[in-house]
Amino acid sequence: KGRFTISRDNAKNSVYLQMNSLKPEDTAVYYCYARKYSDTYWGQGTQ
């Protein structure tokens, strides 16, 4: 909170994560997901 901002552009069918003031503990593989009814879909992840 206060460091990351999520946004969504429906026209481009995209979602974004702006990450500021990054810390070593933010190190991870980040996965995008989308939920449609009861199904969840995942991206491949980005380090």
All heavy atoms as atom14 arrays in JSON, in Angstrom:
{
  "sequence": "KGRFTISRDNAKNSVYLQMNSLKPEDTAVYYCYARKYSDTYWGQGTQ",
  "atom14_mask": [
    [1, 1, 1, 1, 1, 1, 1, 1, 1, 0, 0, 0, 0, 0],
    [1, 1, 1, 1, 0, 0, 0, 0, 0, 0, 0, 0, 0, 0],
    [1, 1, 1, 1, 1, 1, 1, 1, 1, 1, 1, 0, 0, 0],
    [1, 1, 1, 1, 1, 1, 1, 1, 1, 1, 1, 0, 0, 0],
    [1, 1, 1, 1, 1, 1, 1, 0, 0, 0, 0, 0, 0, 0],
    [1, 1, 1, 1, 1, 1, 1, 1, 0, 0, 0, 0, 0, 0],
    [1, 1, 1, 1, 1, 1, 0, 0, 0, 0, 0, 0, 0, 0],
    [1, 1, 1, 1, 1, 1, 1, 1, 1, 1, 1, 0, 0, 0],
    [1, 1, 1, 1, 1, 1, 1, 1, 0, 0, 0, 0, 0, 0],
    [1, 1, 1, 1, 1, 1, 1, 1, 0, 0, 0, 0, 0, 0],
    [1, 1, 1, 1, 1, 0, 0, 0, 0, 0, 0, 0, 0, 0],
    [1, 1, 1, 1, 1, 1, 1, 1, 1, 0, 0, 0, 0, 0],
    [1, 1, 1, 1, 1, 1, 1, 1, 0, 0, 0, 0, 0, 0],
    [1, 1, 1, 1, 1, 1, 0, 0, 0, 0, 0, 0, 0, 0],
    [1, 1, 1, 1, 1, 1, 1, 0, 0, 0, 0, 0, 0, 0],
    [1, 1, 1, 1, 1, 1, 1, 1, 1, 1, 1, 1, 0, 0],
    [1, 1, 1, 1, 1, 1, 1, 1, 0, 0, 0, 0, 0, 0],
    [1, 1, 1, 1, 1, 1, 1, 1, 1, 0, 0, 0, 0, 0],
    [1, 1, 1, 1, 1, 1, 1, 1, 0, 0, 0, 0, 0, 0],
    [1, 1, 1, 1, 1, 1, 1, 1, 0, 0, 0, 0, 0, 0],
    [1, 1, 1, 1, 1, 1, 0, 0, 0, 0, 0, 0, 0, 0],
    [1, 1, 1, 1, 1, 1, 1, 1, 0, 0, 0, 0, 0, 0],
    [1, 1, 1, 1, 1, 1, 1, 1, 1, 0, 0, 0, 0, 0],
    [1, 1, 1, 1, 1, 1, 1, 0, 0, 0, 0, 0, 0, 0],
    [1, 1, 1, 1, 1, 1, 1, 1, 1, 0, 0, 0, 0, 0],
    [1, 1, 1, 1, 1, 1, 1, 1, 0, 0, 0, 0, 0, 0],
    [1, 1, 1, 1, 1, 1, 1, 0, 0, 0, 0, 0, 0, 0],
    [1, 1, 1, 1, 1, 0, 0, 0, 0, 0, 0, 0, 0, 0],
    [1, 1, 1, 1, 1, 1, 1, 0, 0, 0, 0, 0, 0, 0],
    [1, 1, 1, 1, 1, 1, 1, 1, 1, 1, 1, 1, 0, 0],
    [1, 1, 1, 1, 1, 1, 1, 1, 1, 1, 1, 1, 0, 0],
    [1, 1, 1, 1, 1, 1, 0, 0, 0, 0, 0, 0, 0, 0],
    [1, 1, 1, 1, 1, 1, 1, 1, 1, 1, 1, 1, 0, 0],
    [1, 1, 1, 1, 1, 0, 0, 0, 0, 0, 0, 0, 0, 0],
    [1, 1, 1, 1, 1, 1, 1, 1, 1, 1, 1, 0, 0, 0],
    [1, 1, 1, 1, 1, 1, 1, 1, 1, 0, 0, 0, 0, 0],
    [1, 1, 1, 1, 1, 1, 1, 1, 1, 1, 1, 1, 0, 0],
    [1, 1, 1, 1, 1, 1, 0, 0, 0, 0, 0, 0, 0, 0],
    [1, 1, 1, 1, 1, 1, 1, 1, 0, 0, 0, 0, 0, 0],
    [1, 1, 1, 1, 1, 1, 1, 0, 0, 0, 0, 0, 0, 0],
    [1, 1, 1, 1, 1, 1, 1, 1, 1, 1, 1, 1, 0, 0],
    [1, 1, 1, 1, 1, 1, 1, 1, 1, 1, 1, 1, 1, 1],
    [1, 1, 1, 1, 0, 0, 0, 0, 0, 0, 0, 0, 0, 0],
    [1, 1, 1, 1, 1, 1, 1, 1, 1, 0, 0, 0, 0, 0],
    [1, 1, 1, 1, 0, 0, 0, 0, 0, 0, 0, 0, 0, 0],
    [1, 1, 1, 1, 1, 1, 1, 0, 0, 0, 0, 0, 0, 0],
    [1, 1, 1, 1, 1, 1, 1, 1, 1, 0, 0, 0, 0, 0]
  ],
  "atom14_positions": [
    [[0.84, -1.21, 0.0], [0.0, 0.0, 0.0], [0.87, 1.25, 0.0], [1.85, 1.35, 0.74], [-0.91, 0.0, 1.23], [-2.15, -0.83, 1.09], [-3.02, -0.75, 2.35], [-4.24, -1.64, 2.23], [-5.04, -1.64, 3.47], [0.0, 0.0, 0.0], [0.0, 0.0, 0.0], [0.0, 0.0, 0.0], [0.0, 0.0, 0.0], [0.0, 0.0, 0.0]],
    [[0.48, 2.2, -0.84], [1.23, 3.45, -0.93], [2.4, 3.38, -1.88], [3.0, 4.42, -2.2], [0.0, 0.0, 0.0], [0.0, 0.0, 0.0], [0.0, 0.0, 0.0], [0.0, 0.0, 0.0], [0.0, 0.0, 0.0], [0.0, 0.0, 0.0], [0.0, 0.0, 0.0], [0.0, 0.0, 0.0], [0.0, 0.0, 0.0], [0.0, 0.0, 0.0]],
    [[2.78, 2.18, -2.3], [3.92, 2.03, -3.21], [3.52, 1.48, -4.58], [4.13, 1.83, -5.59], [4.97, 1.09, -2.59], [5.51, 1.56, -1.26], [6.67, 0.71, -0.79], [6.27, -0.68, -0.56], [6.82, -1.73, -1.19], [7.78, -1.55, -2.08], [6.42, -2.96, -0.91], [0.0, 0.0, 0.0], [0.0, 0.0, 0.0], [0.0, 0.0, 0.0]],
    [[2.54, 0.6, -4.6], [2.09, -0.03, -5.84], [0.72, 0.53, -6.25], [-0.11, 0.85, -5.4], [1.94, -1.54, -5.66], [3.23, -2.3, -5.5], [4.44, -1.65, -5.26], [3.23, -3.69, -5.57], [5.62, -2.35, -5.1], [4.4, -4.4, -5.42], [5.6, -3.73, -5.19], [0.0, 0.0, 0.0], [0.0, 0.0, 0.0], [0.0, 0.0, 0.0]],
    [[0.51, 0.6, -7.55], [-0.78, 1.04, -8.08], [-1.22, 0.1, -9.19], [-0.47, -0.11, -10.15], [-0.71, 2.47, -8.63], [-0.26, 3.36, -7.59], [-2.08, 2.93, -9.11], [0.0, 0.0, 0.0], [0.0, 0.0, 0.0], [0.0, 0.0, 0.0], [0.0, 0.0, 0.0], [0.0, 0.0, 0.0], [0.0, 0.0, 0.0], [0.0, 0.0, 0.0]],
    [[-2.41, -0.45, -9.04], [-2.97, -1.31, -10.07], [-3.94, -0.5, -10.92], [-4.66, 0.36, -10.42], [-3.66, -2.55, -9.46], [-4.05, -3.55, -10.55], [-4.86, -2.16, -8.6], [-4.53, -4.88, -10.0], [0.0, 0.0, 0.0], [0.0, 0.0, 0.0], [0.0, 0.0, 0.0], [0.0, 0.0, 0.0], [0.0, 0.0, 0.0], [0.0, 0.0, 0.0]],
    [[-3.94, -0.78, -12.22], [-4.87, -0.1, -13.11], [-5.29, -1.07, -14.2], [-4.63, -2.09, -14.44], [-4.25, 1.17, -13.7], [-3.1, 0.86, -14.46], [0.0, 0.0, 0.0], [0.0, 0.0, 0.0], [0.0, 0.0, 0.0], [0.0, 0.0, 0.0], [0.0, 0.0, 0.0], [0.0, 0.0, 0.0], [0.0, 0.0, 0.0], [0.0, 0.0, 0.0]],
    [[-6.37, -0.73, -14.85], [-6.95, -1.62, -15.85], [-7.4, -0.79, -17.03], [-8.02, 0.26, -16.85], [-8.12, -2.39, -15.22], [-8.84, -3.39, -16.1], [-9.83, -4.18, -15.23], [-10.65, -5.06, -16.04], [-11.54, -5.92, -15.54], [-11.71, -6.01, -14.24], [-12.26, -6.68, -16.34], [0.0, 0.0, 0.0], [0.0, 0.0, 0.0], [0.0, 0.0, 0.0]],
    [[-7.09, -1.24, -18.22], [-7.53, -0.59, -19.45], [-8.39, -1.57, -20.22], [-7.87, -2.47, -20.9], [-6.31, -0.15, -20.28], [-6.69, 0.7, -21.48], [-7.84, 0.56, -21.96], [-5.84, 1.46, -21.94], [0.0, 0.0, 0.0], [0.0, 0.0, 0.0], [0.0, 0.0, 0.0], [0.0, 0.0, 0.0], [0.0, 0.0, 0.0], [0.0, 0.0, 0.0]],
    [[-9.69, -1.44, -20.08], [-10.6, -2.4, -20.72], [-10.52, -2.32, -22.24], [-10.72, -3.33, -22.93], [-12.03, -2.16, -20.25], [-12.23, -2.55, -18.8], [-11.58, -3.47, -18.3], [-13.11, -1.84, -18.11], [0.0, 0.0, 0.0], [0.0, 0.0, 0.0], [0.0, 0.0, 0.0], [0.0, 0.0, 0.0], [0.0, 0.0, 0.0], [0.0, 0.0, 0.0]],
    [[-10.24, -1.14, -22.77], [-10.15, -0.99, -24.23], [-8.98, -1.79, -24.79], [-9.02, -2.28, -25.92], [-10.02, 0.47, -24.6], [0.0, 0.0, 0.0], [0.0, 0.0, 0.0], [0.0, 0.0, 0.0], [0.0, 0.0, 0.0], [0.0, 0.0, 0.0], [0.0, 0.0, 0.0], [0.0, 0.0, 0.0], [0.0, 0.0, 0.0], [0.0, 0.0, 0.0]],
    [[-7.91, -1.92, -23.99], [-6.73, -2.66, -24.42], [-6.69, -4.06, -23.81], [-5.71, -4.78, -24.0], [-5.46, -1.9, -24.04], [-5.3, -0.58, -24.76], [-3.98, 0.09, -24.39], [-3.8, 1.39, -25.16], [-2.51, 2.05, -24.83], [0.0, 0.0, 0.0], [0.0, 0.0, 0.0], [0.0, 0.0, 0.0], [0.0, 0.0, 0.0], [0.0, 0.0, 0.0]],
    [[-7.72, -4.41, -23.05], [-7.76, -5.73, -22.41], [-6.46, -5.98, -21.63], [-5.83, -7.04, -21.77], [-7.98, -6.83, -23.44], [-9.3, -6.7, -24.15], [-10.29, -6.29, -23.55], [-9.31, -7.01, -25.43], [0.0, 0.0, 0.0], [0.0, 0.0, 0.0], [0.0, 0.0, 0.0], [0.0, 0.0, 0.0], [0.0, 0.0, 0.0], [0.0, 0.0, 0.0]],
    [[-6.09, -5.0, -20.83], [-4.83, -5.1, -20.11], [-4.98, -4.63, -18.68], [-5.86, -3.82, -18.35], [-3.75, -4.25, -20.8], [-3.45, -4.74, -22.09], [0.0, 0.0, 0.0], [0.0, 0.0, 0.0], [0.0, 0.0, 0.0], [0.0, 0.0, 0.0], [0.0, 0.0, 0.0], [0.0, 0.0, 0.0], [0.0, 0.0, 0.0], [0.0, 0.0, 0.0]],
    [[-4.1, -5.15, -17.83], [-4.02, -4.69, -16.46], [-2.55, -4.41, -16.16], [-1.66, -5.08, -16.7], [-4.61, -5.73, -15.47], [-3.83, -7.03, -15.51], [-4.7, -5.18, -14.07], [0.0, 0.0, 0.0], [0.0, 0.0, 0.0], [0.0, 0.0, 0.0], [0.0, 0.0, 0.0], [0.0, 0.0, 0.0], [0.0, 0.0, 0.0], [0.0, 0.0, 0.0]],
    [[-2.32, -3.4, -15.33], [-0.96, -2.94, -15.07], [-0.69, -2.9, -13.58], [-1.61, -2.75, -12.77], [-0.74, -1.55, -15.67], [-1.13, -1.45, -17.12], [-2.4, -0.99, -17.48], [-0.25, -1.83, -18.12], [-2.77, -0.9, -18.81], [-0.61, -1.74, -19.46], [-1.88, -1.28, -19.8], [-2.23, -1.21, -21.11], [0.0, 0.0, 0.0], [0.0, 0.0, 0.0]],
    [[0.59, -2.99, -13.23], [0.99, -2.82, -11.84], [2.2, -1.9, -11.83], [3.29, -2.3, -12.25], [1.32, -4.15, -11.19], [1.6, -4.09, -9.69], [0.31, -3.73, -8.92], [2.15, -5.42, -9.16], [0.0, 0.0, 0.0], [0.0, 0.0, 0.0], [0.0, 0.0, 0.0], [0.0, 0.0, 0.0], [0.0, 0.0, 0.0], [0.0, 0.0, 0.0]],
    [[1.99, -0.67, -11.38], [3.08, 0.28, -11.23], [3.68, 0.08, -9.84], [2.97, 0.2, -8.83], [2.58, 1.72, -11.39], [3.64, 2.77, -11.18], [4.73, 2.74, -12.23], [4.44, 2.58, -13.42], [5.98, 2.88, -11.82], [0.0, 0.0, 0.0], [0.0, 0.0, 0.0], [0.0, 0.0, 0.0], [0.0, 0.0, 0.0], [0.0, 0.0, 0.0]],
    [[4.96, -0.22, -9.8], [5.63, -0.51, -8.53], [6.71, 0.53, -8.28], [7.67, 0.62, -9.06], [6.24, -1.92, -8.58], [5.23, -3.0, -8.92], [5.92, -4.66, -8.83], [7.13, -4.59, -10.15], [0.0, 0.0, 0.0], [0.0, 0.0, 0.0], [0.0, 0.0, 0.0], [0.0, 0.0, 0.0], [0.0, 0.0, 0.0], [0.0, 0.0, 0.0]],
    [[6.55, 1.29, -7.23], [7.51, 2.33, -6.86], [8.13, 2.0, -5.51], [7.61, 1.18, -4.75], [6.83, 3.69, -6.79], [6.22, 4.11, -8.12], [6.75, 3.8, -9.19], [5.11, 4.83, -8.06], [0.0, 0.0, 0.0], [0.0, 0.0, 0.0], [0.0, 0.0, 0.0], [0.0, 0.0, 0.0], [0.0, 0.0, 0.0], [0.0, 0.0, 0.0]],
    [[9.24, 2.66, -5.22], [9.94, 2.47, -3.94], [10.14, 1.0, -3.64], [9.86, 0.52, -2.54], [9.14, 3.14, -2.8], [8.95, 4.51, -3.04], [0.0, 0.0, 0.0], [0.0, 0.0, 0.0], [0.0, 0.0, 0.0], [0.0, 0.0, 0.0], [0.0, 0.0, 0.0], [0.0, 0.0, 0.0], [0.0, 0.0, 0.0], [0.0, 0.0, 0.0]],
    [[10.64, 0.3, -4.62], [10.79, -1.15, -4.49], [11.81, -1.51, -3.42], [12.82, -0.81, -3.22], [11.18, -1.76, -5.83], [10.01, -1.9, -6.81], [10.5, -2.06, -8.23], [9.13, -3.07, -6.41], [0.0, 0.0, 0.0], [0.0, 0.0, 0.0], [0.0, 0.0, 0.0], [0.0, 0.0, 0.0], [0.0, 0.0, 0.0], [0.0, 0.0, 0.0]],
    [[11.53, -2.62, -2.74], [12.37, -3.11, -1.65], [12.87, -4.52, -2.01], [12.22, -5.23, -2.79], [11.56, -3.18, -0.36], [10.91, -1.88, 0.05], [10.05, -2.08, 1.29], [9.37, -0.79, 1.71], [8.53, -0.98, 2.92], [0.0, 0.0, 0.0], [0.0, 0.0, 0.0], [0.0, 0.0, 0.0], [0.0, 0.0, 0.0], [0.0, 0.0, 0.0]],
    [[13.97, -4.94, -1.42], [14.45, -6.31, -1.68], [13.38, -7.37, -1.4], [13.31, -8.39, -2.11], [15.64, -6.44, -0.74], [16.16, -5.05, -0.61], [14.94, -4.18, -0.62], [0.0, 0.0, 0.0], [0.0, 0.0, 0.0], [0.0, 0.0, 0.0], [0.0, 0.0, 0.0], [0.0, 0.0, 0.0], [0.0, 0.0, 0.0], [0.0, 0.0, 0.0]],
    [[12.54, -7.13, -0.42], [11.49, -8.11, -0.1], [10.37, -8.17, -1.14], [9.48, -9.01, -1.05], [10.9, -7.85, 1.29], [10.45, -6.43, 1.53], [11.49, -5.6, 2.25], [12.7, -5.7, 1.9], [11.1, -4.83, 3.15], [0.0, 0.0, 0.0], [0.0, 0.0, 0.0], [0.0, 0.0, 0.0], [0.0, 0.0, 0.0], [0.0, 0.0, 0.0]],
    [[10.39, -7.28, -2.11], [9.46, -7.36, -3.22], [9.92, -8.35, -4.29], [9.19, -8.63, -5.24], [9.26, -5.99, -3.87], [8.61, -4.98, -2.94], [7.64, -5.36, -2.24], [9.06, -3.82, -2.92], [0.0, 0.0, 0.0], [0.0, 0.0, 0.0], [0.0, 0.0, 0.0], [0.0, 0.0, 0.0], [0.0, 0.0, 0.0], [0.0, 0.0, 0.0]],
    [[11.12, -8.86, -4.15], [11.65, -9.83, -5.1], [10.78, -11.08, -5.13], [10.52, -11.7, -4.1], [13.09, -10.22, -4.73], [13.93, -9.07, -4.87], [13.61, -11.34, -5.63], [0.0, 0.0, 0.0], [0.0, 0.0, 0.0], [0.0, 0.0, 0.0], [0.0, 0.0, 0.0], [0.0, 0.0, 0.0], [0.0, 0.0, 0.0], [0.0, 0.0, 0.0]],
    [[10.31, -11.42, -6.32], [9.39, -12.55, -6.48], [9.07, -12.73, -7.95], [9.4, -11.87, -8.78], [8.1, -12.32, -5.69], [0.0, 0.0, 0.0], [0.0, 0.0, 0.0], [0.0, 0.0, 0.0], [0.0, 0.0, 0.0], [0.0, 0.0, 0.0], [0.0, 0.0, 0.0], [0.0, 0.0, 0.0], [0.0, 0.0, 0.0], [0.0, 0.0, 0.0]],
    [[8.4, -13.83, -8.26], [7.77, -13.97, -9.56], [6.35, -13.42, -9.43], [5.61, -13.81, -8.53], [7.73, -15.44, -10.02], [7.01, -15.55, -11.36], [9.15, -16.0, -10.13], [0.0, 0.0, 0.0], [0.0, 0.0, 0.0], [0.0, 0.0, 0.0], [0.0, 0.0, 0.0], [0.0, 0.0, 0.0], [0.0, 0.0, 0.0], [0.0, 0.0, 0.0]],
    [[6.01, -12.52, -10.32], [4.7, -11.87, -10.28], [3.81, -12.49, -11.35], [4.2, -12.59, -12.52], [4.85, -10.37, -10.51], [5.37, -9.64, -9.29], [6.69, -9.82, -8.86], [4.55, -8.8, -8.55], [7.17, -9.18, -7.73], [5.02, -8.16, -7.42], [6.32, -8.35, -7.02], [6.79, -7.7, -5.89], [0.0, 0.0, 0.0], [0.0, 0.0, 0.0]],
    [[2.61, -12.87, -10.92], [1.65, -13.53, -11.79], [0.41, -12.68, -11.95], [-0.19, -12.24, -10.96], [1.24, -14.89, -11.22], [2.36, -15.89, -11.1], [3.1, -15.97, -9.93], [2.66, -16.76, -12.14], [4.13, -16.89, -9.8], [3.68, -17.68, -12.02], [4.41, -17.74, -10.85], [5.42, -18.66, -10.73], [0.0, 0.0, 0.0], [0.0, 0.0, 0.0]],
    [[0.01, -12.49, -13.18], [-1.26, -11.85, -13.47], [-2.36, -12.91, -13.45], [-2.12, -14.07, -13.84], [-1.16, -11.21, -14.85], [-2.67, -10.49, -15.48], [0.0, 0.0, 0.0], [0.0, 0.0, 0.0], [0.0, 0.0, 0.0], [0.0, 0.0, 0.0], [0.0, 0.0, 0.0], [0.0, 0.0, 0.0], [0.0, 0.0, 0.0], [0.0, 0.0, 0.0]],
    [[-3.55, -12.53, -13.0], [-4.66, -13.48, -13.04], [-5.93, -12.76, -13.48], [-6.07, -11.55, -13.34], [-4.86, -14.16, -11.68], [-5.61, -13.33, -10.67], [-6.99, -13.49, -10.49], [-4.95, -12.39, -9.89], [-7.67, -12.71, -9.57], [-5.62, -11.62, -8.97], [-6.99, -11.79, -8.81], [-7.66, -11.02, -7.89], [0.0, 0.0, 0.0], [0.0, 0.0, 0.0]],
    [[-6.86, -13.56, -13.97], [-8.18, -13.05, -14.34], [-9.22, -14.06, -13.88], [-9.02, -15.27, -14.01], [-8.27, -12.85, -15.85], [0.0, 0.0, 0.0], [0.0, 0.0, 0.0], [0.0, 0.0, 0.0], [0.0, 0.0, 0.0], [0.0, 0.0, 0.0], [0.0, 0.0, 0.0], [0.0, 0.0, 0.0], [0.0, 0.0, 0.0], [0.0, 0.0, 0.0]],
    [[-10.3, -13.56, -13.33], [-11.36, -14.44, -12.83], [-12.63, -14.22, -13.64], [-13.1, -13.09, -13.8], [-11.6, -14.18, -11.35], [-12.55, -15.18, -10.71], [-12.42, -15.17, -9.2], [-11.11, -15.63, -8.78], [-10.35, -14.99, -7.88], [-10.76, -13.86, -7.35], [-9.18, -15.47, -7.53], [0.0, 0.0, 0.0], [0.0, 0.0, 0.0], [0.0, 0.0, 0.0]],
    [[-13.14, -15.32, -14.13], [-14.37, -15.31, -14.95], [-15.3, -16.34, -14.37], [-15.0, -17.53, -14.39], [-14.02, -15.63, -16.39], [-15.18, -15.68, -17.34], [-14.7, -15.96, -18.76], [-15.86, -16.08, -19.71], [-15.41, -16.33, -21.1], [0.0, 0.0, 0.0], [0.0, 0.0, 0.0], [0.0, 0.0, 0.0], [0.0, 0.0, 0.0], [0.0, 0.0, 0.0]],
    [[-16.4, -15.87, -13.81], [-17.32, -16.74, -13.07], [-16.52, -17.44, -11.98], [-15.92, -16.79, -11.14], [-18.02, -17.72, -14.0], [-18.8, -17.05, -15.12], [-18.49, -17.27, -16.46], [-19.86, -16.17, -14.83], [-19.18, -16.66, -17.47], [-20.56, -15.54, -15.84], [-20.23, -15.79, -17.16], [-20.92, -15.19, -18.17], [0.0, 0.0, 0.0], [0.0, 0.0, 0.0]],
    [[-16.46, -18.74, -11.96], [-15.73, -19.45, -10.91], [-14.35, -19.92, -11.36], [-13.65, -20.6, -10.62], [-16.53, -20.66, -10.44], [-16.77, -21.55, -11.52], [0.0, 0.0, 0.0], [0.0, 0.0, 0.0], [0.0, 0.0, 0.0], [0.0, 0.0, 0.0], [0.0, 0.0, 0.0], [0.0, 0.0, 0.0], [0.0, 0.0, 0.0], [0.0, 0.0, 0.0]],
    [[-13.95, -19.56, -12.56], [-12.67, -20.0, -13.11], [-11.62, -18.91, -12.97], [-11.91, -17.73, -13.18], [-12.81, -20.37, -14.58], [-13.71, -21.58, -14.78], [-13.66, -22.5, -13.93], [-14.48, -21.6, -15.76], [0.0, 0.0, 0.0], [0.0, 0.0, 0.0], [0.0, 0.0, 0.0], [0.0, 0.0, 0.0], [0.0, 0.0, 0.0], [0.0, 0.0, 0.0]],
    [[-10.4, -19.31, -12.64], [-9.28, -18.38, -12.54], [-8.23, -18.77, -13.57], [-7.85, -19.94, -13.67], [-8.67, -18.41, -11.14], [-9.68, -18.05, -10.19], [-7.54, -17.4, -11.02], [0.0, 0.0, 0.0], [0.0, 0.0, 0.0], [0.0, 0.0, 0.0], [0.0, 0.0, 0.0], [0.0, 0.0, 0.0], [0.0, 0.0, 0.0], [0.0, 0.0, 0.0]],
    [[-7.75, -17.77, -14.29], [-6.74, -17.99, -15.32], [-5.47, -17.25, -14.91], [-5.53, -16.16, -14.33], [-7.24, -17.46, -16.67], [-8.5, -18.15, -17.14], [-9.75, -17.65, -16.77], [-8.45, -19.29, -17.92], [-10.91, -18.27, -17.17], [-9.61, -19.92, -18.34], [-10.84, -19.41, -17.96], [-11.98, -20.05, -18.37], [0.0, 0.0, 0.0], [0.0, 0.0, 0.0]],
    [[-4.31, -17.83, -15.26], [-3.02, -17.31, -14.83], [-2.09, -17.07, -16.01], [-2.12, -17.8, -17.0], [-2.34, -18.31, -13.89], [-3.08, -18.56, -12.63], [-4.0, -19.53, -12.38], [-2.98, -17.8, -11.42], [-4.47, -19.43, -11.1], [-3.87, -18.38, -10.48], [-2.23, -16.68, -11.03], [-4.01, -17.88, -9.18], [-2.39, -16.2, -9.75], [-3.27, -16.8, -8.84]],
    [[-1.26, -16.05, -15.85], [-0.16, -15.86, -16.77], [1.01, -16.74, -16.38], [0.96, -17.46, -15.38], [0.0, 0.0, 0.0], [0.0, 0.0, 0.0], [0.0, 0.0, 0.0], [0.0, 0.0, 0.0], [0.0, 0.0, 0.0], [0.0, 0.0, 0.0], [0.0, 0.0, 0.0], [0.0, 0.0, 0.0], [0.0, 0.0, 0.0], [0.0, 0.0, 0.0]],
    [[2.07, -16.65, -17.16], [3.24, -17.51, -16.94], [4.17, -16.96, -15.86], [5.04, -17.68, -15.39], [4.01, -17.7, -18.26], [4.95, -16.56, -18.62], [4.25, -15.31, -19.12], [3.03, -15.28, -19.29], [5.03, -14.26, -19.39], [0.0, 0.0, 0.0], [0.0, 0.0, 0.0], [0.0, 0.0, 0.0], [0.0, 0.0, 0.0], [0.0, 0.0, 0.0]],
    [[3.98, -15.72, -15.5], [4.81, -15.1, -14.46], [5.96, -14.3, -15.04], [6.48, -14.62, -16.12], [0.0, 0.0, 0.0], [0.0, 0.0, 0.0], [0.0, 0.0, 0.0], [0.0, 0.0, 0.0], [0.0, 0.0, 0.0], [0.0, 0.0, 0.0], [0.0, 0.0, 0.0], [0.0, 0.0, 0.0], [0.0, 0.0, 0.0], [0.0, 0.0, 0.0]],
    [[6.35, -13.27, -14.31], [7.5, -12.46, -14.7], [8.34, -12.19, -13.45], [7.8, -11.85, -12.39], [7.07, -11.16, -15.4], [8.22, -10.45, -15.86], [6.27, -10.24, -14.49], [0.0, 0.0, 0.0], [0.0, 0.0, 0.0], [0.0, 0.0, 0.0], [0.0, 0.0, 0.0], [0.0, 0.0, 0.0], [0.0, 0.0, 0.0], [0.0, 0.0, 0.0]],
    [[9.64, -12.34, -13.58], [10.53, -12.22, -12.43], [10.83, -10.75, -12.15], [11.2, -9.99, -13.05], [11.84, -12.96, -12.69], [12.87, -12.82, -11.58], [12.49, -13.55, -10.32], [12.07, -14.71, -10.36], [12.65, -12.91, -9.17], [0.0, 0.0, 0.0], [0.0, 0.0, 0.0], [0.0, 0.0, 0.0], [0.0, 0.0, 0.0], [0.0, 0.0, 0.0]]
  ]
}
